[in-house]
Amino acid sequence: MVECAGLEIRCTVMPYRGFESHLLRQNLVQNADRHERIRMKNADSRTRRQFIKIGGIVLPLLVVTGRSSAATNASMRSALKYQDTPSSGKSCAGCAQFVPGKAAAGPGGCKIMPGDTEISPSGYCTAWTAKPA
């Protein structure tokens, strides 16, 4: 202990711990790696849980609506002046562009209107072309 102008100064000398500090550093690195692995595992399981929750909500909605894949292409329909009724004996069922649906009388598709799965076989549009004989 050293006194200087009424102040008391205390110094403590720590013994050399070179070997112990190396082990301490090594232990800290191992713990950090272990914590990182646990954090990554928890992050993955959180994502899986969220996916399952969302799937549990969306799938029943698709079943309830009954038309999960039904679609219409409104802009193409208006551009081609599509109508659900035949015009002067011309109908989609007799058109080369018509793609029949699962049922013969059910809605199908059209090669001209991509993504539209609600084309009526008795419909008509200005792109009508007779099927080749």
N, C-alpha and C. Protein backbone atom coordinates (compact mmCIF):
# COMPACT_ATOMS: atom_id res chain seq x y z
N MET A 1 0.85 -1.17 0.00
CA MET A 1 0.00 0.00 0.00
C MET A 1 0.90 1.23 0.00
N VAL A 2 0.52 2.20 -0.84
CA VAL A 2 1.31 3.42 -0.98
C VAL A 2 0.41 4.59 -0.65
N GLU A 3 0.89 5.55 0.16
CA GLU A 3 0.12 6.75 0.46
C GLU A 3 0.77 7.92 -0.24
N CYS A 4 -0.10 8.73 -0.89
CA CYS A 4 0.42 9.87 -1.62
C CYS A 4 -0.54 11.02 -1.41
N ALA A 5 -0.12 12.06 -0.71
CA ALA A 5 -0.90 13.27 -0.45
C ALA A 5 -2.27 12.93 0.10
N GLY A 6 -2.33 12.01 1.02
CA GLY A 6 -3.59 11.67 1.68
C GLY A 6 -4.44 10.67 0.92
N LEU A 7 -4.03 10.27 -0.28
CA LEU A 7 -4.79 9.26 -1.04
C LEU A 7 -4.19 7.89 -0.78
N GLU A 8 -5.02 6.94 -0.69
CA GLU A 8 -4.56 5.59 -0.46
C GLU A 8 -4.69 4.81 -1.77
N ILE A 9 -3.64 4.24 -2.29
CA ILE A 9 -3.64 3.50 -3.53
C ILE A 9 -3.31 2.05 -3.22
N ARG A 10 -4.17 1.18 -3.68
CA ARG A 10 -3.93 -0.25 -3.46
C ARG A 10 -3.71 -0.93 -4.81
N CYS A 11 -2.74 -1.75 -4.88
CA CYS A 11 -2.44 -2.50 -6.10
C CYS A 11 -2.49 -3.98 -5.76
N THR A 12 -3.07 -4.72 -6.65
CA THR A 12 -3.11 -6.16 -6.47
C THR A 12 -2.42 -6.79 -7.68
N VAL A 13 -1.53 -7.66 -7.44
CA VAL A 13 -0.82 -8.34 -8.52
C VAL A 13 -1.42 -9.72 -8.68
N MET A 14 -1.88 -9.99 -9.93
CA MET A 14 -2.49 -11.29 -10.22
C MET A 14 -1.39 -12.24 -10.67
N PRO A 15 -1.44 -13.47 -10.23
CA PRO A 15 -0.45 -14.43 -10.69
C PRO A 15 -0.66 -14.76 -12.17
N TYR A 16 0.36 -15.22 -12.86
CA TYR A 16 0.28 -15.58 -14.27
C TYR A 16 -0.62 -16.80 -14.43
N ARG A 17 -1.59 -16.65 -15.31
CA ARG A 17 -2.53 -17.75 -15.54
C ARG A 17 -2.61 -18.06 -17.04
N GLY A 18 -1.50 -18.14 -17.68
CA GLY A 18 -1.46 -18.38 -19.13
C GLY A 18 -2.18 -19.66 -19.52
N PHE A 19 -1.90 -20.76 -18.88
CA PHE A 19 -2.51 -22.04 -19.23
C PHE A 19 -4.00 -22.01 -18.93
N GLU A 20 -4.37 -21.45 -17.76
CA GLU A 20 -5.78 -21.40 -17.39
C GLU A 20 -6.57 -20.51 -18.35
N SER A 21 -6.01 -19.38 -18.80
CA SER A 21 -6.74 -18.49 -19.70
C SER A 21 -6.94 -19.15 -21.07
N HIS A 22 -6.00 -19.98 -21.50
CA HIS A 22 -6.16 -20.71 -22.76
C HIS A 22 -7.34 -21.67 -22.66
N LEU A 23 -7.43 -22.39 -21.56
CA LEU A 23 -8.55 -23.31 -21.36
C LEU A 23 -9.87 -22.55 -21.29
N LEU A 24 -9.84 -21.40 -20.64
CA LEU A 24 -11.04 -20.58 -20.53
C LEU A 24 -11.51 -20.11 -21.90
N ARG A 25 -10.56 -19.63 -22.74
CA ARG A 25 -10.91 -19.20 -24.10
C ARG A 25 -11.47 -20.37 -24.91
N GLN A 26 -10.84 -21.52 -24.80
CA GLN A 26 -11.29 -22.70 -25.54
C GLN A 26 -12.72 -23.08 -25.11
N ASN A 27 -13.00 -23.02 -23.85
CA ASN A 27 -14.32 -23.33 -23.32
C ASN A 27 -15.35 -22.32 -23.83
N LEU A 28 -14.99 -21.03 -23.89
CA LEU A 28 -15.90 -20.01 -24.39
C LEU A 28 -16.25 -20.25 -25.86
N VAL A 29 -15.26 -20.63 -26.68
CA VAL A 29 -15.49 -20.89 -28.10
C VAL A 29 -16.42 -22.09 -28.27
N GLN A 30 -16.20 -23.14 -27.49
CA GLN A 30 -17.05 -24.33 -27.57
C GLN A 30 -18.49 -24.00 -27.18
N ASN A 31 -18.65 -23.21 -26.13
CA ASN A 31 -20.00 -22.81 -25.70
C ASN A 31 -20.68 -21.95 -26.76
N ALA A 32 -19.94 -21.05 -27.40
CA ALA A 32 -20.52 -20.21 -28.44
C ALA A 32 -20.98 -21.06 -29.62
N ASP A 33 -20.17 -22.06 -30.01
CA ASP A 33 -20.57 -22.96 -31.10
C ASP A 33 -21.84 -23.73 -30.73
N ARG A 34 -21.90 -24.22 -29.52
CA ARG A 34 -23.07 -24.98 -29.07
C ARG A 34 -24.31 -24.10 -29.06
N HIS A 35 -24.20 -22.88 -28.57
CA HIS A 35 -25.34 -21.96 -28.54
C HIS A 35 -25.80 -21.61 -29.96
N GLU A 36 -24.85 -21.46 -30.88
CA GLU A 36 -25.20 -21.16 -32.28
C GLU A 36 -25.97 -22.32 -32.91
N ARG A 37 -25.54 -23.55 -32.65
CA ARG A 37 -26.26 -24.72 -33.18
C ARG A 37 -27.67 -24.79 -32.61
N ILE A 38 -27.83 -24.52 -31.34
CA ILE A 38 -29.16 -24.54 -30.71
C ILE A 38 -30.03 -23.45 -31.30
N ARG A 39 -29.46 -22.26 -31.52
CA ARG A 39 -30.24 -21.15 -32.07
C ARG A 39 -30.71 -21.49 -33.49
N MET A 40 -29.84 -22.07 -34.31
CA MET A 40 -30.21 -22.43 -35.68
C MET A 40 -31.29 -23.51 -35.68
N LYS A 41 -31.19 -24.46 -34.77
CA LYS A 41 -32.20 -25.53 -34.69
C LYS A 41 -33.55 -24.93 -34.32
N ASN A 42 -33.57 -24.01 -33.38
CA ASN A 42 -34.82 -23.36 -32.97
C ASN A 42 -35.39 -22.51 -34.10
N ALA A 43 -34.54 -21.84 -34.87
CA ALA A 43 -35.01 -21.02 -35.99
C ALA A 43 -35.67 -21.90 -37.04
N ASP A 44 -35.10 -23.07 -37.34
CA ASP A 44 -35.69 -23.99 -38.31
C ASP A 44 -37.04 -24.50 -37.83
N SER A 45 -37.13 -24.86 -36.57
CA SER A 45 -38.40 -25.40 -36.07
C SER A 45 -39.47 -24.32 -36.03
N ARG A 46 -39.08 -23.08 -35.79
CA ARG A 46 -40.04 -21.99 -35.81
C ARG A 46 -40.63 -21.82 -37.22
N THR A 47 -39.78 -21.91 -38.23
CA THR A 47 -40.23 -21.78 -39.60
C THR A 47 -41.17 -22.92 -39.97
N ARG A 48 -40.83 -24.13 -39.56
CA ARG A 48 -41.68 -25.29 -39.83
C ARG A 48 -43.04 -25.12 -39.16
N ARG A 49 -43.03 -24.64 -37.94
CA ARG A 49 -44.29 -24.43 -37.22
C ARG A 49 -45.16 -23.41 -37.94
N GLN A 50 -44.54 -22.32 -38.39
CA GLN A 50 -45.30 -21.29 -39.11
C GLN A 50 -45.88 -21.85 -40.40
N PHE A 51 -45.11 -22.65 -41.12
CA PHE A 51 -45.58 -23.25 -42.36
C PHE A 51 -46.79 -24.15 -42.10
N ILE A 52 -46.72 -24.95 -41.05
CA ILE A 52 -47.82 -25.86 -40.72
C ILE A 52 -49.06 -25.06 -40.32
N LYS A 53 -48.88 -23.98 -39.57
CA LYS A 53 -50.02 -23.15 -39.18
C LYS A 53 -50.69 -22.53 -40.41
N ILE A 54 -49.88 -22.00 -41.31
CA ILE A 54 -50.44 -21.37 -42.51
C ILE A 54 -51.13 -22.41 -43.38
N GLY A 55 -50.50 -23.57 -43.54
CA GLY A 55 -51.11 -24.65 -44.32
C GLY A 55 -52.42 -25.11 -43.71
N GLY A 56 -52.50 -25.12 -42.39
CA GLY A 56 -53.73 -25.52 -41.71
C GLY A 56 -54.87 -24.55 -41.93
N ILE A 57 -54.54 -23.32 -42.29
CA ILE A 57 -55.58 -22.31 -42.56
C ILE A 57 -55.94 -22.30 -44.04
N VAL A 58 -54.94 -22.37 -44.92
CA VAL A 58 -55.17 -22.23 -46.35
C VAL A 58 -55.85 -23.46 -46.96
N LEU A 59 -55.42 -24.66 -46.60
CA LEU A 59 -55.99 -25.86 -47.21
C LEU A 59 -57.49 -25.99 -46.99
N PRO A 60 -58.01 -25.80 -45.78
CA PRO A 60 -59.46 -25.87 -45.63
C PRO A 60 -60.20 -24.81 -46.45
N LEU A 61 -59.60 -23.64 -46.62
CA LEU A 61 -60.23 -22.60 -47.44
C LEU A 61 -60.35 -23.05 -48.89
N LEU A 62 -59.31 -23.71 -49.41
CA LEU A 62 -59.36 -24.20 -50.78
C LEU A 62 -60.44 -25.26 -50.94
N VAL A 63 -60.59 -26.11 -49.93
CA VAL A 63 -61.61 -27.16 -49.99
C VAL A 63 -63.00 -26.55 -49.92
N VAL A 64 -63.19 -25.54 -49.09
CA VAL A 64 -64.49 -24.91 -48.92
C VAL A 64 -64.92 -24.19 -50.19
N THR A 65 -64.01 -23.50 -50.85
CA THR A 65 -64.38 -22.75 -52.05
C THR A 65 -64.74 -23.67 -53.20
N GLY A 66 -64.11 -24.85 -53.28
CA GLY A 66 -64.44 -25.81 -54.32
C GLY A 66 -63.86 -25.48 -55.68
N ARG A 67 -63.38 -24.28 -55.87
CA ARG A 67 -62.81 -23.89 -57.17
C ARG A 67 -61.41 -23.35 -56.95
N SER A 68 -60.53 -24.19 -56.47
CA SER A 68 -59.18 -23.72 -56.18
C SER A 68 -58.40 -23.39 -57.44
N SER A 69 -58.72 -24.04 -58.57
CA SER A 69 -57.94 -23.80 -59.77
C SER A 69 -58.72 -23.06 -60.86
N ALA A 70 -60.00 -22.72 -60.60
CA ALA A 70 -60.80 -22.02 -61.60
C ALA A 70 -60.29 -20.59 -61.75
N ALA A 71 -60.14 -20.16 -63.02
CA ALA A 71 -59.66 -18.81 -63.26
C ALA A 71 -60.23 -18.27 -64.57
N THR A 72 -60.35 -16.97 -64.62
CA THR A 72 -60.79 -16.32 -65.86
C THR A 72 -59.79 -15.24 -66.21
N ASN A 73 -59.66 -14.98 -67.49
CA ASN A 73 -58.76 -13.95 -67.98
C ASN A 73 -59.65 -12.82 -68.51
N ALA A 74 -60.08 -11.94 -67.62
CA ALA A 74 -61.07 -10.91 -67.94
C ALA A 74 -60.61 -9.96 -69.05
N SER A 75 -59.36 -9.58 -69.05
CA SER A 75 -58.89 -8.64 -70.07
C SER A 75 -58.94 -9.26 -71.47
N MET A 76 -58.55 -10.53 -71.59
CA MET A 76 -58.62 -11.19 -72.90
C MET A 76 -60.07 -11.43 -73.31
N ARG A 77 -60.91 -11.76 -72.33
CA ARG A 77 -62.33 -11.98 -72.63
C ARG A 77 -62.95 -10.71 -73.23
N SER A 78 -62.68 -9.58 -72.64
CA SER A 78 -63.27 -8.33 -73.14
C SER A 78 -62.65 -7.94 -74.49
N ALA A 79 -61.36 -8.18 -74.68
CA ALA A 79 -60.71 -7.84 -75.94
C ALA A 79 -61.25 -8.69 -77.10
N LEU A 80 -61.58 -9.95 -76.80
CA LEU A 80 -62.09 -10.86 -77.84
C LEU A 80 -63.62 -10.91 -77.86
N LYS A 81 -64.25 -10.07 -77.04
CA LYS A 81 -65.72 -9.98 -76.96
C LYS A 81 -66.35 -11.36 -76.70
N TYR A 82 -65.81 -12.05 -75.70
CA TYR A 82 -66.32 -13.37 -75.33
C TYR A 82 -67.72 -13.26 -74.75
N GLN A 83 -68.56 -14.23 -75.11
CA GLN A 83 -69.91 -14.32 -74.54
C GLN A 83 -70.21 -15.78 -74.27
N ASP A 84 -71.06 -16.05 -73.27
CA ASP A 84 -71.38 -17.42 -72.87
C ASP A 84 -72.40 -18.09 -73.79
N THR A 85 -72.91 -17.40 -74.79
CA THR A 85 -73.91 -17.98 -75.69
C THR A 85 -73.34 -18.03 -77.10
N PRO A 86 -73.76 -19.02 -77.93
CA PRO A 86 -73.25 -19.11 -79.30
C PRO A 86 -73.74 -17.96 -80.16
N SER A 87 -73.03 -17.70 -81.24
CA SER A 87 -73.40 -16.63 -82.16
C SER A 87 -73.52 -17.22 -83.57
N SER A 88 -74.68 -17.12 -84.14
CA SER A 88 -75.00 -17.62 -85.48
C SER A 88 -74.43 -19.02 -85.76
N GLY A 89 -74.72 -19.93 -84.80
CA GLY A 89 -74.32 -21.33 -84.97
C GLY A 89 -72.87 -21.62 -84.64
N LYS A 90 -72.10 -20.62 -84.23
CA LYS A 90 -70.69 -20.82 -83.89
C LYS A 90 -70.55 -20.86 -82.36
N SER A 91 -69.95 -21.95 -81.86
CA SER A 91 -69.73 -22.06 -80.42
C SER A 91 -68.31 -22.55 -80.16
N CYS A 92 -67.85 -22.39 -78.96
CA CYS A 92 -66.49 -22.78 -78.60
C CYS A 92 -66.26 -24.27 -78.81
N ALA A 93 -67.28 -25.10 -78.65
CA ALA A 93 -67.13 -26.54 -78.84
C ALA A 93 -66.70 -26.86 -80.27
N GLY A 94 -67.04 -26.03 -81.24
CA GLY A 94 -66.66 -26.24 -82.64
C GLY A 94 -65.45 -25.43 -83.06
N CYS A 95 -64.77 -24.80 -82.11
CA CYS A 95 -63.61 -23.95 -82.41
C CYS A 95 -62.31 -24.75 -82.29
N ALA A 96 -61.35 -24.45 -83.16
CA ALA A 96 -60.04 -25.11 -83.14
C ALA A 96 -59.23 -24.70 -81.91
N GLN A 97 -59.53 -23.57 -81.29
CA GLN A 97 -58.77 -23.06 -80.15
C GLN A 97 -59.27 -23.62 -78.81
N PHE A 98 -60.47 -24.23 -78.80
CA PHE A 98 -61.10 -24.70 -77.55
C PHE A 98 -60.41 -25.96 -77.05
N VAL A 99 -60.13 -25.99 -75.75
CA VAL A 99 -59.56 -27.16 -75.08
C VAL A 99 -60.63 -27.68 -74.14
N PRO A 100 -61.23 -28.87 -74.44
CA PRO A 100 -62.32 -29.38 -73.60
C PRO A 100 -61.87 -29.61 -72.16
N GLY A 101 -62.83 -29.47 -71.23
CA GLY A 101 -62.57 -29.71 -69.82
C GLY A 101 -62.69 -31.18 -69.48
N LYS A 102 -62.76 -31.51 -68.19
CA LYS A 102 -62.86 -32.90 -67.74
C LYS A 102 -64.16 -33.53 -68.21
N ALA A 103 -65.25 -32.79 -68.10
CA ALA A 103 -66.54 -33.28 -68.57
C ALA A 103 -66.82 -32.64 -69.93
N ALA A 104 -67.49 -33.39 -70.80
CA ALA A 104 -67.75 -32.89 -72.16
C ALA A 104 -68.58 -31.61 -72.15
N ALA A 105 -69.57 -31.54 -71.26
CA ALA A 105 -70.43 -30.36 -71.21
C ALA A 105 -69.91 -29.31 -70.23
N GLY A 106 -68.84 -29.61 -69.51
CA GLY A 106 -68.30 -28.69 -68.52
C GLY A 106 -67.39 -27.65 -69.14
N PRO A 107 -66.98 -26.66 -68.34
CA PRO A 107 -66.11 -25.61 -68.86
C PRO A 107 -64.72 -26.15 -69.22
N GLY A 108 -64.11 -25.52 -70.19
CA GLY A 108 -62.77 -25.92 -70.63
C GLY A 108 -61.86 -24.70 -70.71
N GLY A 109 -60.87 -24.78 -71.57
CA GLY A 109 -59.91 -23.69 -71.73
C GLY A 109 -59.85 -23.23 -73.17
N CYS A 110 -59.00 -22.27 -73.42
CA CYS A 110 -58.83 -21.73 -74.77
C CYS A 110 -57.35 -21.44 -74.99
N LYS A 111 -56.86 -21.80 -76.16
CA LYS A 111 -55.44 -21.58 -76.49
C LYS A 111 -55.13 -20.09 -76.62
N ILE A 112 -56.12 -19.29 -76.96
CA ILE A 112 -55.94 -17.85 -77.14
C ILE A 112 -55.95 -17.12 -75.80
N MET A 113 -56.72 -17.63 -74.82
CA MET A 113 -56.85 -16.98 -73.51
C MET A 113 -56.10 -17.80 -72.46
N PRO A 114 -54.79 -17.55 -72.27
CA PRO A 114 -54.01 -18.34 -71.32
C PRO A 114 -54.48 -18.17 -69.89
N GLY A 115 -54.56 -19.29 -69.17
CA GLY A 115 -54.94 -19.26 -67.76
C GLY A 115 -56.43 -19.25 -67.52
N ASP A 116 -57.23 -19.12 -68.56
CA ASP A 116 -58.69 -19.10 -68.41
C ASP A 116 -59.21 -20.53 -68.48
N THR A 117 -59.76 -21.01 -67.38
CA THR A 117 -60.26 -22.39 -67.31
C THR A 117 -61.77 -22.44 -67.22
N GLU A 118 -62.43 -21.34 -67.47
CA GLU A 118 -63.89 -21.26 -67.35
C GLU A 118 -64.56 -20.92 -68.69
N ILE A 119 -64.05 -21.45 -69.78
CA ILE A 119 -64.64 -21.19 -71.10
C ILE A 119 -65.78 -22.20 -71.31
N SER A 120 -66.95 -21.69 -71.59
CA SER A 120 -68.12 -22.54 -71.81
C SER A 120 -68.06 -23.14 -73.22
N PRO A 121 -68.39 -24.44 -73.36
CA PRO A 121 -68.41 -25.04 -74.70
C PRO A 121 -69.45 -24.38 -75.61
N SER A 122 -70.46 -23.76 -75.01
CA SER A 122 -71.47 -23.07 -75.82
C SER A 122 -71.18 -21.58 -75.96
N GLY A 123 -69.98 -21.14 -75.57
CA GLY A 123 -69.60 -19.74 -75.67
C GLY A 123 -69.14 -19.37 -77.07
N TYR A 124 -68.78 -18.10 -77.24
CA TYR A 124 -68.30 -17.61 -78.55
C TYR A 124 -67.44 -16.37 -78.33
N CYS A 125 -66.43 -16.18 -79.20
CA CYS A 125 -65.63 -14.95 -79.21
C CYS A 125 -65.21 -14.66 -80.65
N THR A 126 -64.63 -13.51 -80.87
CA THR A 126 -64.25 -13.09 -82.23
C THR A 126 -63.06 -13.86 -82.78
N ALA A 127 -62.35 -14.64 -81.95
CA ALA A 127 -61.22 -15.44 -82.43
C ALA A 127 -61.66 -16.82 -82.88
N TRP A 128 -62.97 -17.04 -83.00
CA TRP A 128 -63.50 -18.36 -83.37
C TRP A 128 -62.96 -18.77 -84.74
N THR A 129 -62.45 -20.02 -84.78
CA THR A 129 -61.96 -20.63 -86.02
C THR A 129 -62.50 -22.05 -86.08
N ALA A 130 -63.06 -22.44 -87.21
CA ALA A 130 -63.64 -23.78 -87.34
C ALA A 130 -62.57 -24.85 -87.18
N LYS A 131 -62.98 -25.94 -86.52
CA LYS A 131 -62.07 -27.09 -86.36
C LYS A 131 -61.81 -27.69 -87.74
N PRO A 132 -60.57 -28.13 -87.98
CA PRO A 132 -60.29 -28.77 -89.26
C PRO A 132 -61.04 -30.09 -89.39
N ALA A 133 -61.50 -30.38 -90.58
CA ALA A 133 -62.31 -31.58 -90.80
C ALA A 133 -61.47 -32.84 -90.83
